[in-house]
Amino acid sequence: MALDNMDYIDVASRIVDFRTKHPEGSLQPADLSQPFQIVDIGGQQFVVVVAAAYRTPDDPRPGIGMAYETFPGKTNFTRGSELQNAETSAWGRAIVAALAADTKRGIASQEEVRNRRAEQEQPRWDQVEQDTYVAGYLAEIEDATMPAEVQAMGARMQRAKQSRELSPASYEKVAKAAAARLAEMQQAVPA
């Protein structure tokens, strides 16, 4: 399911909302001594940022947000700005956590729980995040030199669709590109 631009709240808008509600607040690394990390997960490097949104200078329970970007970035949009992208995403998530903590609501009612379950059955995907995933997969597909590489990506993409990381529309785009790349590779092989 694709989101309209009306459904997406960008981080800049979230920052304005946070500053309006908490003029003394600040956005900082959760651990000032280590504002980011480069970690290896399954042979792939990632820049990881954990941010804190302090509502007041002495906020005992700031909102915490985490984000990561592949390093080095796989697209022209992410290469060279991996840390900034991860930091911005972490800020946005920290703000969401901080502002959610401001609510006066208590334990969810039975109706709220039922409504959340209905929403989970029909997930809504962040369009910017989906575009980033698609761009990353497309770059990998384009860079593949062996059919086995494309087939392995196909299995990863299928798992991402099943786990709802990829929306059906995003999956369809990358699956078509992978199929086309495989066909291109098979045609290039002499009979």
N, C-alpha and C. Protein backbone atom coordinates (compact mmCIF):
# COMPACT_ATOMS: atom_id res chain seq x y z
N MET A 1 0.86 -1.16 0.00
CA MET A 1 0.00 0.00 0.00
C MET A 1 0.91 1.22 0.00
N ALA A 2 0.76 2.09 -0.96
CA ALA A 2 1.57 3.31 -1.04
C ALA A 2 0.93 4.40 -0.22
N LEU A 3 1.77 5.22 0.37
CA LEU A 3 1.28 6.35 1.15
C LEU A 3 1.28 7.60 0.30
N ASP A 4 0.27 8.44 0.49
CA ASP A 4 0.30 9.75 -0.14
C ASP A 4 1.29 10.60 0.64
N ASN A 5 1.72 11.69 0.03
CA ASN A 5 2.59 12.61 0.75
C ASN A 5 1.89 13.18 1.97
N MET A 6 0.55 13.22 1.97
CA MET A 6 -0.22 13.76 3.09
C MET A 6 -0.06 12.88 4.33
N ASP A 7 0.21 11.59 4.15
CA ASP A 7 0.31 10.67 5.28
C ASP A 7 1.70 10.66 5.90
N TYR A 8 2.69 11.23 5.23
CA TYR A 8 4.06 11.17 5.70
C TYR A 8 4.42 12.45 6.43
N ILE A 9 4.93 12.32 7.65
CA ILE A 9 5.40 13.46 8.41
C ILE A 9 6.92 13.37 8.42
N ASP A 10 7.59 14.33 7.78
CA ASP A 10 9.04 14.26 7.71
C ASP A 10 9.68 14.66 9.03
N VAL A 11 10.96 14.35 9.17
CA VAL A 11 11.66 14.60 10.42
C VAL A 11 11.73 16.09 10.72
N ALA A 12 11.91 16.92 9.70
CA ALA A 12 11.96 18.37 9.93
C ALA A 12 10.67 18.85 10.61
N SER A 13 9.53 18.35 10.17
CA SER A 13 8.25 18.72 10.79
C SER A 13 8.16 18.17 12.21
N ARG A 14 8.67 16.96 12.42
CA ARG A 14 8.67 16.38 13.76
C ARG A 14 9.52 17.23 14.71
N ILE A 15 10.66 17.73 14.21
CA ILE A 15 11.53 18.57 15.04
C ILE A 15 10.80 19.85 15.44
N VAL A 16 10.12 20.47 14.48
CA VAL A 16 9.36 21.69 14.77
C VAL A 16 8.31 21.40 15.84
N ASP A 17 7.59 20.30 15.69
CA ASP A 17 6.56 19.92 16.67
C ASP A 17 7.18 19.69 18.04
N PHE A 18 8.31 18.99 18.07
CA PHE A 18 9.00 18.71 19.33
C PHE A 18 9.44 20.01 19.99
N ARG A 19 10.07 20.90 19.22
CA ARG A 19 10.55 22.18 19.78
C ARG A 19 9.39 23.06 20.26
N THR A 20 8.25 22.99 19.58
CA THR A 20 7.08 23.75 20.01
C THR A 20 6.57 23.24 21.35
N LYS A 21 6.49 21.93 21.48
CA LYS A 21 5.97 21.34 22.72
C LYS A 21 6.99 21.35 23.85
N HIS A 22 8.28 21.33 23.50
CA HIS A 22 9.34 21.24 24.50
C HIS A 22 10.46 22.21 24.15
N PRO A 23 10.24 23.52 24.36
CA PRO A 23 11.25 24.51 23.96
C PRO A 23 12.60 24.34 24.67
N GLU A 24 12.62 23.70 25.82
CA GLU A 24 13.88 23.46 26.52
C GLU A 24 14.48 22.10 26.13
N GLY A 25 13.80 21.37 25.28
CA GLY A 25 14.25 20.04 24.91
C GLY A 25 15.47 20.05 24.02
N SER A 26 16.06 18.88 23.85
CA SER A 26 17.22 18.76 22.97
C SER A 26 17.27 17.35 22.37
N LEU A 27 17.92 17.27 21.23
CA LEU A 27 18.17 16.00 20.56
C LEU A 27 19.66 15.73 20.66
N GLN A 28 20.00 14.56 21.19
CA GLN A 28 21.40 14.23 21.43
C GLN A 28 21.63 12.74 21.17
N PRO A 29 22.90 12.36 21.01
CA PRO A 29 23.18 10.93 21.01
C PRO A 29 22.78 10.36 22.37
N ALA A 30 22.27 9.15 22.39
CA ALA A 30 21.90 8.51 23.66
C ALA A 30 23.14 8.30 24.52
N ASP A 31 24.29 8.05 23.88
CA ASP A 31 25.56 7.90 24.58
C ASP A 31 26.51 8.94 24.00
N LEU A 32 26.72 10.03 24.73
CA LEU A 32 27.55 11.12 24.22
C LEU A 32 28.99 10.69 23.93
N SER A 33 29.46 9.66 24.62
CA SER A 33 30.83 9.20 24.38
C SER A 33 30.95 8.37 23.10
N GLN A 34 29.82 7.92 22.57
CA GLN A 34 29.83 7.14 21.34
C GLN A 34 28.58 7.50 20.53
N PRO A 35 28.65 8.62 19.78
CA PRO A 35 27.45 9.09 19.08
C PRO A 35 26.98 8.17 17.94
N PHE A 36 27.87 7.31 17.45
CA PHE A 36 27.48 6.35 16.42
C PHE A 36 28.45 5.17 16.48
N GLN A 37 28.06 4.09 15.79
CA GLN A 37 28.92 2.91 15.69
C GLN A 37 28.90 2.42 14.26
N ILE A 38 29.97 1.78 13.86
CA ILE A 38 30.00 1.02 12.62
C ILE A 38 30.01 -0.44 13.07
N VAL A 39 28.96 -1.19 12.68
CA VAL A 39 28.86 -2.58 13.10
C VAL A 39 28.78 -3.48 11.87
N ASP A 40 29.22 -4.72 12.05
CA ASP A 40 29.16 -5.72 11.00
C ASP A 40 28.06 -6.70 11.35
N ILE A 41 27.10 -6.85 10.45
CA ILE A 41 26.01 -7.80 10.64
C ILE A 41 25.97 -8.68 9.40
N GLY A 42 26.29 -9.93 9.56
CA GLY A 42 26.24 -10.87 8.45
C GLY A 42 27.13 -10.48 7.29
N GLY A 43 28.30 -9.91 7.57
CA GLY A 43 29.22 -9.52 6.50
C GLY A 43 28.91 -8.18 5.88
N GLN A 44 27.90 -7.48 6.34
CA GLN A 44 27.55 -6.15 5.82
C GLN A 44 27.78 -5.13 6.92
N GLN A 45 28.39 -4.00 6.57
CA GLN A 45 28.62 -2.95 7.56
C GLN A 45 27.47 -1.97 7.59
N PHE A 46 27.17 -1.48 8.81
CA PHE A 46 26.10 -0.51 9.02
C PHE A 46 26.59 0.60 9.93
N VAL A 47 26.13 1.81 9.67
CA VAL A 47 26.29 2.93 10.60
C VAL A 47 25.05 2.89 11.49
N VAL A 48 25.25 2.81 12.80
CA VAL A 48 24.15 2.73 13.76
C VAL A 48 24.17 3.97 14.64
N VAL A 49 23.01 4.61 14.76
CA VAL A 49 22.87 5.78 15.61
C VAL A 49 21.72 5.54 16.59
N VAL A 50 21.97 5.82 17.86
CA VAL A 50 20.92 5.77 18.88
C VAL A 50 20.80 7.19 19.41
N ALA A 51 19.62 7.79 19.24
CA ALA A 51 19.39 9.18 19.63
C ALA A 51 18.43 9.26 20.80
N ALA A 52 18.55 10.37 21.53
CA ALA A 52 17.67 10.63 22.65
C ALA A 52 17.01 11.98 22.46
N ALA A 53 15.71 12.05 22.70
CA ALA A 53 14.95 13.31 22.64
C ALA A 53 14.59 13.68 24.07
N TYR A 54 15.36 14.61 24.63
CA TYR A 54 15.13 15.08 26.00
C TYR A 54 14.09 16.19 25.97
N ARG A 55 13.00 16.01 26.69
CA ARG A 55 11.94 17.02 26.74
C ARG A 55 12.36 18.22 27.59
N THR A 56 13.19 17.98 28.60
CA THR A 56 13.73 19.01 29.48
C THR A 56 15.21 18.69 29.70
N PRO A 57 15.99 19.66 30.18
CA PRO A 57 17.41 19.38 30.41
C PRO A 57 17.66 18.23 31.38
N ASP A 58 16.73 17.99 32.30
CA ASP A 58 16.92 16.91 33.27
C ASP A 58 15.91 15.77 33.09
N ASP A 59 15.45 15.59 31.86
CA ASP A 59 14.47 14.53 31.53
C ASP A 59 15.03 13.16 31.94
N PRO A 60 14.39 12.48 32.89
CA PRO A 60 14.91 11.19 33.34
C PRO A 60 14.64 10.04 32.36
N ARG A 61 13.65 10.22 31.48
CA ARG A 61 13.30 9.15 30.54
C ARG A 61 13.06 9.74 29.15
N PRO A 62 14.15 10.11 28.48
CA PRO A 62 13.99 10.70 27.15
C PRO A 62 13.46 9.66 26.15
N GLY A 63 12.88 10.16 25.07
CA GLY A 63 12.49 9.26 23.99
C GLY A 63 13.75 8.75 23.31
N ILE A 64 13.81 7.47 23.02
CA ILE A 64 14.99 6.86 22.40
C ILE A 64 14.59 6.35 21.01
N GLY A 65 15.44 6.64 20.04
CA GLY A 65 15.20 6.16 18.68
C GLY A 65 16.49 5.61 18.09
N MET A 66 16.36 4.53 17.33
CA MET A 66 17.53 3.90 16.72
C MET A 66 17.33 3.82 15.21
N ALA A 67 18.43 3.93 14.50
CA ALA A 67 18.37 3.79 13.04
C ALA A 67 19.73 3.33 12.54
N TYR A 68 19.73 2.73 11.36
CA TYR A 68 20.99 2.32 10.74
C TYR A 68 20.91 2.54 9.24
N GLU A 69 22.07 2.66 8.64
CA GLU A 69 22.21 2.77 7.19
C GLU A 69 23.33 1.83 6.78
N THR A 70 23.19 1.19 5.63
CA THR A 70 24.29 0.37 5.13
C THR A 70 25.48 1.28 4.87
N PHE A 71 26.68 0.75 5.08
CA PHE A 71 27.90 1.52 4.90
C PHE A 71 28.90 0.67 4.14
N PRO A 72 29.36 1.14 3.00
CA PRO A 72 28.98 2.40 2.37
C PRO A 72 27.58 2.31 1.77
N GLY A 73 26.98 3.47 1.58
CA GLY A 73 25.64 3.52 0.98
C GLY A 73 25.65 2.91 -0.41
N LYS A 74 24.54 2.34 -0.78
CA LYS A 74 24.46 1.63 -2.06
C LYS A 74 23.90 2.49 -3.20
N THR A 75 23.41 3.68 -2.88
CA THR A 75 22.84 4.53 -3.92
C THR A 75 23.51 5.90 -3.88
N ASN A 76 23.31 6.68 -4.94
CA ASN A 76 23.84 8.04 -4.97
C ASN A 76 23.23 8.90 -3.87
N PHE A 77 22.02 8.54 -3.41
CA PHE A 77 21.34 9.31 -2.37
C PHE A 77 21.91 9.02 -0.99
N THR A 78 22.46 7.83 -0.77
CA THR A 78 22.95 7.47 0.55
C THR A 78 24.47 7.47 0.65
N ARG A 79 25.17 7.22 -0.45
CA ARG A 79 26.62 7.15 -0.42
C ARG A 79 27.19 8.52 -0.03
N GLY A 80 28.00 8.53 1.02
CA GLY A 80 28.62 9.77 1.48
C GLY A 80 27.81 10.50 2.53
N SER A 81 26.57 10.07 2.76
CA SER A 81 25.76 10.72 3.79
C SER A 81 25.07 9.68 4.69
N GLU A 82 25.72 8.54 4.84
CA GLU A 82 25.15 7.45 5.62
C GLU A 82 24.91 7.87 7.07
N LEU A 83 25.90 8.52 7.67
CA LEU A 83 25.77 8.93 9.08
C LEU A 83 24.66 9.95 9.25
N GLN A 84 24.60 10.93 8.36
CA GLN A 84 23.55 11.95 8.46
C GLN A 84 22.17 11.34 8.31
N ASN A 85 22.01 10.42 7.37
CA ASN A 85 20.72 9.76 7.16
C ASN A 85 20.31 8.95 8.39
N ALA A 86 21.26 8.21 8.95
CA ALA A 86 20.95 7.41 10.14
C ALA A 86 20.61 8.32 11.32
N GLU A 87 21.37 9.41 11.47
CA GLU A 87 21.11 10.33 12.58
C GLU A 87 19.72 10.96 12.46
N THR A 88 19.38 11.42 11.27
CA THR A 88 18.07 12.04 11.06
C THR A 88 16.96 11.05 11.36
N SER A 89 17.10 9.83 10.88
CA SER A 89 16.09 8.81 11.15
C SER A 89 15.98 8.52 12.64
N ALA A 90 17.12 8.43 13.32
CA ALA A 90 17.10 8.16 14.77
C ALA A 90 16.43 9.31 15.51
N TRP A 91 16.71 10.55 15.11
CA TRP A 91 16.04 11.71 15.73
C TRP A 91 14.53 11.60 15.59
N GLY A 92 14.08 11.31 14.37
CA GLY A 92 12.64 11.19 14.13
C GLY A 92 12.00 10.14 15.02
N ARG A 93 12.66 9.00 15.15
CA ARG A 93 12.12 7.93 16.00
C ARG A 93 12.16 8.32 17.48
N ALA A 94 13.22 9.02 17.90
CA ALA A 94 13.30 9.47 19.29
C ALA A 94 12.20 10.47 19.61
N ILE A 95 11.93 11.37 18.66
CA ILE A 95 10.86 12.35 18.87
C ILE A 95 9.51 11.66 18.99
N VAL A 96 9.26 10.69 18.13
CA VAL A 96 8.00 9.95 18.22
C VAL A 96 7.88 9.30 19.60
N ALA A 97 8.96 8.70 20.06
CA ALA A 97 8.94 8.07 21.39
C ALA A 97 8.70 9.10 22.49
N ALA A 98 9.37 10.24 22.39
CA ALA A 98 9.22 11.28 23.42
C ALA A 98 7.81 11.85 23.42
N LEU A 99 7.26 12.12 22.26
CA LEU A 99 5.92 12.71 22.20
C LEU A 99 4.86 11.70 22.59
N ALA A 100 5.07 10.44 22.30
CA ALA A 100 4.12 9.41 22.73
C ALA A 100 4.13 9.29 24.24
N ALA A 101 5.28 9.51 24.86
CA ALA A 101 5.38 9.42 26.31
C ALA A 101 4.65 10.58 26.99
N ASP A 102 4.39 11.66 26.25
CA ASP A 102 3.70 12.81 26.81
C ASP A 102 2.20 12.58 26.96
N THR A 103 1.67 11.55 26.33
CA THR A 103 0.23 11.37 26.37
C THR A 103 -0.22 11.02 27.77
N LYS A 104 -1.43 11.38 28.08
CA LYS A 104 -2.00 11.14 29.41
C LYS A 104 -2.81 9.84 29.44
N ARG A 105 -2.80 9.10 28.35
CA ARG A 105 -3.60 7.89 28.28
C ARG A 105 -3.01 6.81 29.16
N GLY A 106 -3.88 6.03 29.71
CA GLY A 106 -3.44 4.92 30.54
C GLY A 106 -3.33 3.66 29.71
N ILE A 107 -3.73 2.56 30.30
CA ILE A 107 -3.67 1.27 29.61
C ILE A 107 -4.69 1.27 28.48
N ALA A 108 -4.32 0.66 27.37
CA ALA A 108 -5.20 0.63 26.21
C ALA A 108 -6.50 -0.10 26.52
N SER A 109 -7.59 0.42 25.97
CA SER A 109 -8.88 -0.23 26.14
C SER A 109 -8.98 -1.41 25.18
N GLN A 110 -9.98 -2.24 25.40
CA GLN A 110 -10.19 -3.38 24.52
C GLN A 110 -10.43 -2.91 23.09
N GLU A 111 -11.15 -1.80 22.92
CA GLU A 111 -11.41 -1.27 21.58
C GLU A 111 -10.12 -0.81 20.92
N GLU A 112 -9.25 -0.15 21.69
CA GLU A 112 -7.97 0.30 21.13
C GLU A 112 -7.12 -0.89 20.70
N VAL A 113 -7.10 -1.94 21.51
CA VAL A 113 -6.34 -3.13 21.15
C VAL A 113 -6.90 -3.74 19.86
N ARG A 114 -8.23 -3.84 19.74
CA ARG A 114 -8.86 -4.38 18.54
C ARG A 114 -8.50 -3.53 17.32
N ASN A 115 -8.54 -2.19 17.49
CA ASN A 115 -8.20 -1.30 16.38
C ASN A 115 -6.75 -1.47 15.95
N ARG A 116 -5.84 -1.63 16.90
CA ARG A 116 -4.42 -1.82 16.57
C ARG A 116 -4.23 -3.12 15.79
N ARG A 117 -4.94 -4.15 16.21
CA ARG A 117 -4.82 -5.42 15.48
C ARG A 117 -5.29 -5.27 14.04
N ALA A 118 -6.37 -4.53 13.85
CA ALA A 118 -6.88 -4.29 12.49
C ALA A 118 -5.86 -3.52 11.67
N GLU A 119 -5.20 -2.55 12.28
CA GLU A 119 -4.17 -1.78 11.57
C GLU A 119 -2.99 -2.67 11.19
N GLN A 120 -2.63 -3.61 12.07
CA GLN A 120 -1.52 -4.50 11.78
C GLN A 120 -1.83 -5.42 10.61
N GLU A 121 -3.08 -5.76 10.45
CA GLU A 121 -3.46 -6.62 9.33
C GLU A 121 -3.32 -5.87 8.01
N GLN A 122 -3.45 -4.56 8.05
CA GLN A 122 -3.29 -3.73 6.85
C GLN A 122 -2.22 -2.68 7.15
N PRO A 123 -0.94 -3.08 7.09
CA PRO A 123 0.13 -2.17 7.49
C PRO A 123 0.23 -0.97 6.54
N ARG A 124 0.80 0.10 7.08
CA ARG A 124 1.09 1.30 6.30
C ARG A 124 2.60 1.46 6.28
N TRP A 125 3.14 1.63 5.10
CA TRP A 125 4.58 1.73 4.97
C TRP A 125 4.99 3.18 4.77
N ASP A 126 6.13 3.52 5.35
CA ASP A 126 6.75 4.83 5.18
C ASP A 126 7.30 4.89 3.76
N GLN A 127 6.79 5.80 2.94
CA GLN A 127 7.15 5.84 1.53
C GLN A 127 8.64 6.15 1.33
N VAL A 128 9.20 7.04 2.12
CA VAL A 128 10.62 7.37 1.98
C VAL A 128 11.47 6.14 2.29
N GLU A 129 11.10 5.43 3.34
CA GLU A 129 11.82 4.22 3.70
C GLU A 129 11.70 3.18 2.59
N GLN A 130 10.51 3.01 2.04
CA GLN A 130 10.31 2.05 0.95
C GLN A 130 11.15 2.43 -0.27
N ASP A 131 11.17 3.71 -0.61
CA ASP A 131 11.97 4.17 -1.75
C ASP A 131 13.45 3.86 -1.53
N THR A 132 13.91 4.01 -0.28
CA THR A 132 15.30 3.72 0.05
C THR A 132 15.58 2.23 -0.12
N TYR A 133 14.68 1.38 0.38
CA TYR A 133 14.86 -0.07 0.22
C TYR A 133 14.90 -0.44 -1.26
N VAL A 134 13.95 0.09 -2.02
CA VAL A 134 13.89 -0.23 -3.45
C VAL A 134 15.17 0.20 -4.15
N ALA A 135 15.63 1.41 -3.87
CA ALA A 135 16.86 1.91 -4.50
C ALA A 135 18.05 1.01 -4.15
N GLY A 136 18.12 0.58 -2.91
CA GLY A 136 19.21 -0.31 -2.50
C GLY A 136 19.17 -1.64 -3.22
N TYR A 137 17.98 -2.25 -3.28
CA TYR A 137 17.86 -3.53 -4.00
C TYR A 137 18.16 -3.36 -5.49
N LEU A 138 17.67 -2.29 -6.09
CA LEU A 138 17.91 -2.07 -7.52
C LEU A 138 19.40 -1.91 -7.80
N ALA A 139 20.10 -1.20 -6.92
CA ALA A 139 21.55 -1.05 -7.10
C ALA A 139 22.25 -2.39 -6.99
N GLU A 140 21.84 -3.22 -6.01
CA GLU A 140 22.43 -4.55 -5.86
C GLU A 140 22.17 -5.41 -7.09
N ILE A 141 20.94 -5.36 -7.59
CA ILE A 141 20.57 -6.14 -8.78
C ILE A 141 21.41 -5.71 -9.97
N GLU A 142 21.55 -4.42 -10.14
CA GLU A 142 22.34 -3.90 -11.26
C GLU A 142 23.81 -4.30 -11.15
N ASP A 143 24.34 -4.34 -9.92
CA ASP A 143 25.75 -4.67 -9.71
C ASP A 143 26.03 -6.17 -9.76
N ALA A 144 24.99 -7.00 -9.71
CA ALA A 144 25.18 -8.45 -9.69
C ALA A 144 25.84 -8.92 -10.99
N THR A 145 26.77 -9.86 -10.84
CA THR A 145 27.46 -10.39 -12.01
C THR A 145 27.15 -11.86 -12.27
N MET A 146 26.51 -12.52 -11.28
CA MET A 146 26.21 -13.95 -11.40
C MET A 146 24.72 -14.19 -11.11
N PRO A 147 24.09 -15.11 -11.83
CA PRO A 147 22.70 -15.43 -11.53
C PRO A 147 22.47 -15.83 -10.07
N ALA A 148 23.44 -16.52 -9.47
CA ALA A 148 23.28 -16.94 -8.07
C ALA A 148 23.14 -15.73 -7.14
N GLU A 149 23.82 -14.64 -7.46
CA GLU A 149 23.70 -13.43 -6.64
C GLU A 149 22.27 -12.89 -6.71
N VAL A 150 21.71 -12.85 -7.91
CA VAL A 150 20.35 -12.34 -8.08
C VAL A 150 19.35 -13.27 -7.39
N GLN A 151 19.58 -14.57 -7.50
CA GLN A 151 18.69 -15.52 -6.85
C GLN A 151 18.74 -15.37 -5.32
N ALA A 152 19.93 -15.15 -4.78
CA ALA A 152 20.06 -14.94 -3.32
C ALA A 152 19.33 -13.66 -2.91
N MET A 153 19.44 -12.61 -3.74
CA MET A 153 18.72 -11.37 -3.45
C MET A 153 17.21 -11.62 -3.50
N GLY A 154 16.79 -12.44 -4.44
CA GLY A 154 15.37 -12.76 -4.56
C GLY A 154 14.84 -13.41 -3.28
N ALA A 155 15.64 -14.30 -2.70
CA ALA A 155 15.23 -14.94 -1.44
C ALA A 155 15.17 -13.91 -0.32
N ARG A 156 16.15 -12.99 -0.28
CA ARG A 156 16.14 -11.93 0.75
C ARG A 156 14.93 -11.01 0.57
N MET A 157 14.63 -10.68 -0.67
CA MET A 157 13.49 -9.80 -0.94
C MET A 157 12.18 -10.47 -0.53
N GLN A 158 12.08 -11.77 -0.78
CA GLN A 158 10.88 -12.53 -0.38
C GLN A 158 10.72 -12.51 1.13
N ARG A 159 11.84 -12.71 1.85
CA ARG A 159 11.77 -12.66 3.33
C ARG A 159 11.38 -11.26 3.79
N ALA A 160 11.90 -10.23 3.12
CA ALA A 160 11.56 -8.84 3.50
C ALA A 160 10.08 -8.57 3.26
N LYS A 161 9.53 -9.16 2.22
CA LYS A 161 8.08 -9.00 1.96
C LYS A 161 7.28 -9.73 3.03
N GLN A 162 7.69 -10.95 3.36
CA GLN A 162 6.97 -11.73 4.36
C GLN A 162 7.02 -11.08 5.73
N SER A 163 8.14 -10.44 6.06
CA SER A 163 8.26 -9.78 7.37
C SER A 163 7.65 -8.37 7.35
N ARG A 164 7.11 -7.98 6.21
CA ARG A 164 6.46 -6.68 6.01
C ARG A 164 7.44 -5.51 6.04
N GLU A 165 8.73 -5.81 5.86
CA GLU A 165 9.70 -4.74 5.71
C GLU A 165 9.49 -4.06 4.36
N LEU A 166 9.24 -4.88 3.34
CA LEU A 166 8.93 -4.37 2.00
C LEU A 166 7.43 -4.42 1.78
N SER A 167 6.89 -3.34 1.26
CA SER A 167 5.47 -3.33 0.90
C SER A 167 5.27 -4.19 -0.34
N PRO A 168 4.06 -4.65 -0.61
CA PRO A 168 3.81 -5.42 -1.83
C PRO A 168 4.22 -4.65 -3.09
N ALA A 169 3.95 -3.34 -3.13
CA ALA A 169 4.31 -2.55 -4.31
C ALA A 169 5.83 -2.48 -4.48
N SER A 170 6.56 -2.30 -3.37
CA SER A 170 8.02 -2.25 -3.44
C SER A 170 8.57 -3.60 -3.86
N TYR A 171 8.02 -4.67 -3.28
CA TYR A 171 8.46 -6.01 -3.64
C TYR A 171 8.26 -6.25 -5.14
N GLU A 172 7.10 -5.85 -5.65
CA GLU A 172 6.81 -6.05 -7.07
C GLU A 172 7.85 -5.36 -7.95
N LYS A 173 8.23 -4.13 -7.58
CA LYS A 173 9.24 -3.39 -8.36
C LYS A 173 10.57 -4.13 -8.39
N VAL A 174 11.03 -4.55 -7.20
CA VAL A 174 12.35 -5.17 -7.16
C VAL A 174 12.32 -6.59 -7.73
N ALA A 175 11.21 -7.29 -7.56
CA ALA A 175 11.10 -8.64 -8.12
C ALA A 175 11.13 -8.60 -9.64
N LYS A 176 10.45 -7.62 -10.23
CA LYS A 176 10.47 -7.47 -11.70
C LYS A 176 11.87 -7.15 -12.18
N ALA A 177 12.55 -6.27 -11.46
CA ALA A 177 13.93 -5.91 -11.84
C ALA A 177 14.85 -7.12 -11.73
N ALA A 178 14.68 -7.92 -10.68
CA ALA A 178 15.51 -9.12 -10.51
C ALA A 178 15.24 -10.12 -11.62
N ALA A 179 13.97 -10.31 -11.96
CA ALA A 179 13.62 -11.25 -13.04
C ALA A 179 14.20 -10.78 -14.37
N ALA A 180 14.13 -9.49 -14.63
CA ALA A 180 14.68 -8.94 -15.87
C ALA A 180 16.19 -9.12 -15.91
N ARG A 181 16.86 -8.90 -14.77
CA ARG A 181 18.32 -9.06 -14.71
C ARG A 181 18.71 -10.51 -14.92
N LEU A 182 17.95 -11.44 -14.33
CA LEU A 182 18.23 -12.87 -14.55
C LEU A 182 18.07 -13.24 -16.01
N ALA A 183 16.98 -12.76 -16.63
CA ALA A 183 16.76 -13.05 -18.05
C ALA A 183 17.89 -12.49 -18.90
N GLU A 184 18.34 -11.29 -18.56
CA GLU A 184 19.46 -10.67 -19.28
C GLU A 184 20.73 -11.50 -19.15
N MET A 185 20.98 -12.00 -17.94
CA MET A 185 22.18 -12.82 -17.70
C MET A 185 22.09 -14.14 -18.46
N GLN A 186 20.89 -14.72 -18.49
CA GLN A 186 20.72 -16.01 -19.17
C GLN A 186 20.88 -15.86 -20.67
N GLN A 187 20.44 -14.74 -21.22
CA GLN A 187 20.60 -14.49 -22.65
C GLN A 187 22.05 -14.25 -23.01
N ALA A 188 22.84 -13.73 -22.08
CA ALA A 188 24.25 -13.44 -22.35
C ALA A 188 25.11 -14.69 -22.34
N VAL A 189 24.60 -15.79 -21.74
CA VAL A 189 25.36 -17.03 -21.67
C VAL A 189 25.26 -17.76 -23.02
N PRO A 190 26.39 -18.08 -23.63
CA PRO A 190 26.32 -18.79 -24.92
C PRO A 190 25.75 -20.20 -24.75
N ALA A 191 24.98 -20.62 -25.73
CA ALA A 191 24.31 -21.94 -25.68
C ALA A 191 25.24 -23.07 -25.96
